Amino acid sequence: MKYFVGLVFLFTAIPSFSQGVYPLHPTVGDTIDRDEKLDYSLFAASENDNFNFSVIKYLNSGFILIENRALKESNDTVKYYNDTLLLSQEQIIEEQQKIQKINAYYRYLAEEAKKPKQEDYKSVEKKIPIRFDGPISDQLKKEDRMKARLANDQRRMEEFQMGLRPREVGLQFGPW
């Protein structure tokens, strides 16, 4: 019988709780969780301590913020309770603008990351060829050839590992 009464209460409470719920913003939805509250700095007047989630309701031509909080008691039990806060339409608009500004900022950062980076003076300076004559030039040429050989060897090894090169190596000595 206890379970039946509990189920009846649960099924009657859920629809009444969801009636009149006002979604703050499409990004956030109708339920503001702890991460969204902290990430978007929503409702600074309410404390972040013990905050679980909140819902905005539209009742009697006004907005109410219902915050669900959890308080851990001395005997290791958790007590859940709801705080309510009256909101004006201006506060709702201000919170929506916060979300839009932060979303616009992150879109801007994503677009900037896609753009090619502008070269600074030092990187342009590195690309200017320097010509040496004599033994320094020979040493640089030798190092370049060695780097090219190592790069080719690495490429061949990768092709071999992918199965693009045969296993045998045929060597031919002289015209016999």
Protein backbone atom coordinates (compact mmCIF):
# COMPACT_ATOMS: atom_id res chain seq x y z
CA MET A 1 0.00 0.00 0.00
CA LYS A 2 2.89 2.37 0.79
CA TYR A 3 4.33 1.79 -2.67
CA PHE A 4 0.99 2.46 -4.32
CA VAL A 5 0.60 5.80 -2.52
CA GLY A 6 4.21 6.69 -3.38
CA LEU A 7 3.68 5.90 -7.07
CA VAL A 8 0.46 7.92 -7.19
CA PHE A 9 2.24 10.87 -5.57
CA LEU A 10 5.18 10.55 -7.98
CA PHE A 11 3.02 10.46 -11.10
CA THR A 12 0.90 13.39 -9.96
CA ALA A 13 3.89 15.48 -8.83
CA ILE A 14 5.93 15.19 -12.04
CA PRO A 15 3.31 16.71 -14.38
CA SER A 16 2.51 19.49 -11.93
CA PHE A 17 6.22 20.27 -11.54
CA SER A 18 6.78 20.40 -15.29
CA GLN A 19 3.84 22.71 -15.97
CA GLY A 20 4.89 26.29 -16.53
CA VAL A 21 8.61 25.50 -16.84
CA TYR A 22 10.39 28.24 -18.75
CA PRO A 23 13.50 27.27 -20.75
CA LEU A 24 16.14 29.94 -20.16
CA HIS A 25 18.07 29.40 -23.39
CA PRO A 26 18.26 26.64 -26.05
CA THR A 27 21.84 25.90 -25.00
CA VAL A 28 20.87 25.39 -21.36
CA GLY A 29 17.34 24.04 -21.77
CA ASP A 30 14.69 24.07 -19.08
CA THR A 31 16.90 22.61 -16.31
CA ILE A 32 20.07 24.43 -15.28
CA ASP A 33 22.56 22.02 -13.77
CA ARG A 34 25.55 22.89 -11.59
CA ASP A 35 28.06 22.91 -14.47
CA GLU A 36 25.93 25.26 -16.56
CA LYS A 37 25.42 27.58 -13.60
CA LEU A 38 29.17 27.78 -13.01
CA ASP A 39 30.23 27.88 -16.68
CA TYR A 40 27.83 30.66 -17.63
CA SER A 41 27.94 32.45 -14.23
CA LEU A 42 24.18 32.29 -14.01
CA PHE A 43 22.19 33.90 -11.20
CA ALA A 44 25.06 35.36 -9.24
CA ALA A 45 22.69 36.39 -6.45
CA SER A 46 22.15 32.76 -5.48
CA GLU A 47 24.94 30.79 -3.86
CA ASN A 48 26.75 27.92 -5.56
CA ASP A 49 27.14 25.92 -2.33
CA ASN A 50 25.10 22.70 -2.22
CA PHE A 51 23.52 23.58 -5.60
CA ASN A 52 22.17 20.63 -7.66
CA PHE A 53 19.93 22.09 -10.35
CA SER A 54 17.38 24.81 -10.90
CA VAL A 55 14.25 25.36 -12.93
CA ILE A 56 12.55 28.58 -13.94
CA LYS A 57 8.77 28.59 -13.66
CA TYR A 58 6.28 31.08 -14.96
CA LEU A 59 3.56 31.50 -12.35
CA ASN A 60 0.95 34.24 -11.97
CA SER A 61 2.55 36.41 -14.67
CA GLY A 62 5.97 36.28 -13.00
CA PHE A 63 9.14 34.22 -13.06
CA ILE A 64 10.36 32.12 -10.13
CA LEU A 65 13.71 30.37 -9.91
CA ILE A 66 13.43 27.09 -8.01
CA GLU A 67 16.83 25.81 -6.91
CA ASN A 68 17.28 22.26 -5.70
CA ARG A 69 19.99 21.98 -3.06
CA ALA A 70 21.46 19.13 -1.04
CA LEU A 71 22.59 19.57 2.53
CA LYS A 72 24.64 16.85 4.21
CA GLU A 73 23.63 16.49 7.83
CA SER A 74 25.74 15.35 10.76
CA ASN A 75 24.48 11.76 10.64
CA ASP A 76 25.66 11.35 6.99
CA THR A 77 22.20 11.73 5.54
CA VAL A 78 21.53 14.11 2.69
CA LYS A 79 18.57 16.43 2.90
CA TYR A 80 17.24 17.88 -0.34
CA TYR A 81 15.33 21.12 -0.31
CA ASN A 82 14.22 23.81 -2.75
CA ASP A 83 14.98 27.52 -2.58
CA THR A 84 12.88 29.98 -4.52
CA LEU A 85 13.93 33.32 -5.89
CA LEU A 86 11.70 35.85 -7.63
CA LEU A 87 13.02 36.95 -11.01
CA SER A 88 12.12 39.94 -13.09
CA GLN A 89 11.94 39.85 -16.85
CA GLU A 90 15.07 42.01 -16.99
CA GLN A 91 16.99 39.41 -14.96
CA ILE A 92 15.89 36.67 -17.35
CA ILE A 93 17.04 38.75 -20.33
CA GLU A 94 20.36 39.51 -18.61
CA GLU A 95 21.01 35.79 -17.98
CA GLN A 96 20.11 34.95 -21.60
CA GLN A 97 22.55 37.61 -22.80
CA LYS A 98 25.31 36.12 -20.61
CA ILE A 99 24.81 32.76 -22.29
CA GLN A 100 24.82 34.32 -25.75
CA LYS A 101 27.99 36.31 -25.04
CA ILE A 102 29.89 33.29 -23.73
CA ASN A 103 28.73 31.15 -26.66
CA ALA A 104 29.77 33.89 -29.09
CA TYR A 105 33.18 34.10 -27.41
CA TYR A 106 33.77 30.36 -27.79
CA ARG A 107 32.61 30.47 -31.44
CA TYR A 108 35.08 33.32 -32.00
CA LEU A 109 37.90 31.27 -30.46
CA ALA A 110 37.00 28.29 -32.67
CA GLU A 111 37.04 30.50 -35.79
CA GLU A 112 40.38 32.04 -34.80
CA ALA A 113 41.87 28.58 -34.32
CA LYS A 114 40.83 27.68 -37.89
CA LYS A 115 42.56 30.72 -39.40
CA PRO A 116 46.18 30.39 -40.50
CA LYS A 117 48.57 31.90 -38.04
CA GLN A 118 50.36 35.10 -39.02
CA GLU A 119 54.09 34.75 -39.08
CA ASP A 120 56.08 36.90 -36.76
CA TYR A 121 59.38 38.55 -37.61
CA LYS A 122 61.57 35.74 -36.27
CA SER A 123 59.87 32.98 -38.27
CA VAL A 124 60.21 35.02 -41.48
CA GLU A 125 63.87 35.55 -40.65
CA LYS A 126 64.39 31.77 -40.42
CA LYS A 127 63.10 31.29 -43.97
CA ILE A 128 65.63 33.64 -45.56
CA PRO A 129 68.30 31.49 -47.23
CA ILE A 130 71.87 32.01 -46.09
CA ARG A 131 74.66 31.20 -48.52
CA PHE A 132 77.94 29.88 -47.27
CA ASP A 133 81.04 29.19 -49.27
CA GLY A 134 83.77 26.73 -48.47
CA PRO A 135 83.83 23.90 -45.96
CA ILE A 136 80.77 25.14 -44.07
CA SER A 137 78.73 24.88 -47.27
CA ASP A 138 79.99 21.33 -47.88
CA GLN A 139 79.10 20.29 -44.34
CA LEU A 140 75.57 21.75 -44.68
CA LYS A 141 75.05 19.96 -48.00
CA LYS A 142 76.20 16.68 -46.44
CA GLU A 143 73.79 17.09 -43.53
CA ASP A 144 70.94 17.87 -45.94
CA ARG A 145 71.68 14.72 -47.95
CA MET A 146 71.78 12.66 -44.73
CA LYS A 147 68.42 14.08 -43.60
CA ALA A 148 66.92 13.31 -47.02
CA ARG A 149 68.26 9.72 -46.88
CA LEU A 150 66.85 9.20 -43.39
CA ALA A 151 63.47 10.58 -44.46
CA ASN A 152 63.42 8.25 -47.50
CA ASP A 153 64.38 5.28 -45.32
CA GLN A 154 61.58 6.13 -42.90
CA ARG A 155 59.08 6.40 -45.78
CA ARG A 156 60.22 3.04 -47.19
CA MET A 157 59.90 1.40 -43.77
CA GLU A 158 56.35 2.70 -43.40
CA GLU A 159 55.48 1.41 -46.88
CA PHE A 160 57.00 -1.98 -45.97
CA GLN A 161 54.95 -2.13 -42.76
CA MET A 162 51.77 -1.34 -44.67
CA GLY A 163 52.58 -4.10 -47.18
CA LEU A 164 53.27 -1.81 -50.12
CA ARG A 165 56.89 -2.99 -50.58
CA PRO A 166 58.06 -6.57 -51.19
CA ARG A 167 60.10 -8.46 -48.59
CA GLU A 168 62.89 -9.56 -50.91
CA VAL A 169 65.68 -7.35 -52.00
CA GLY A 170 67.35 -8.28 -55.27
CA LEU A 171 71.01 -7.35 -55.67
CA GLN A 172 72.86 -7.74 -58.89
CA PHE A 173 76.68 -7.81 -58.95
CA GLY A 174 78.35 -7.26 -62.27
CA PRO A 175 77.47 -8.43 -65.79
CA TRP A 176 78.35 -12.21 -65.30
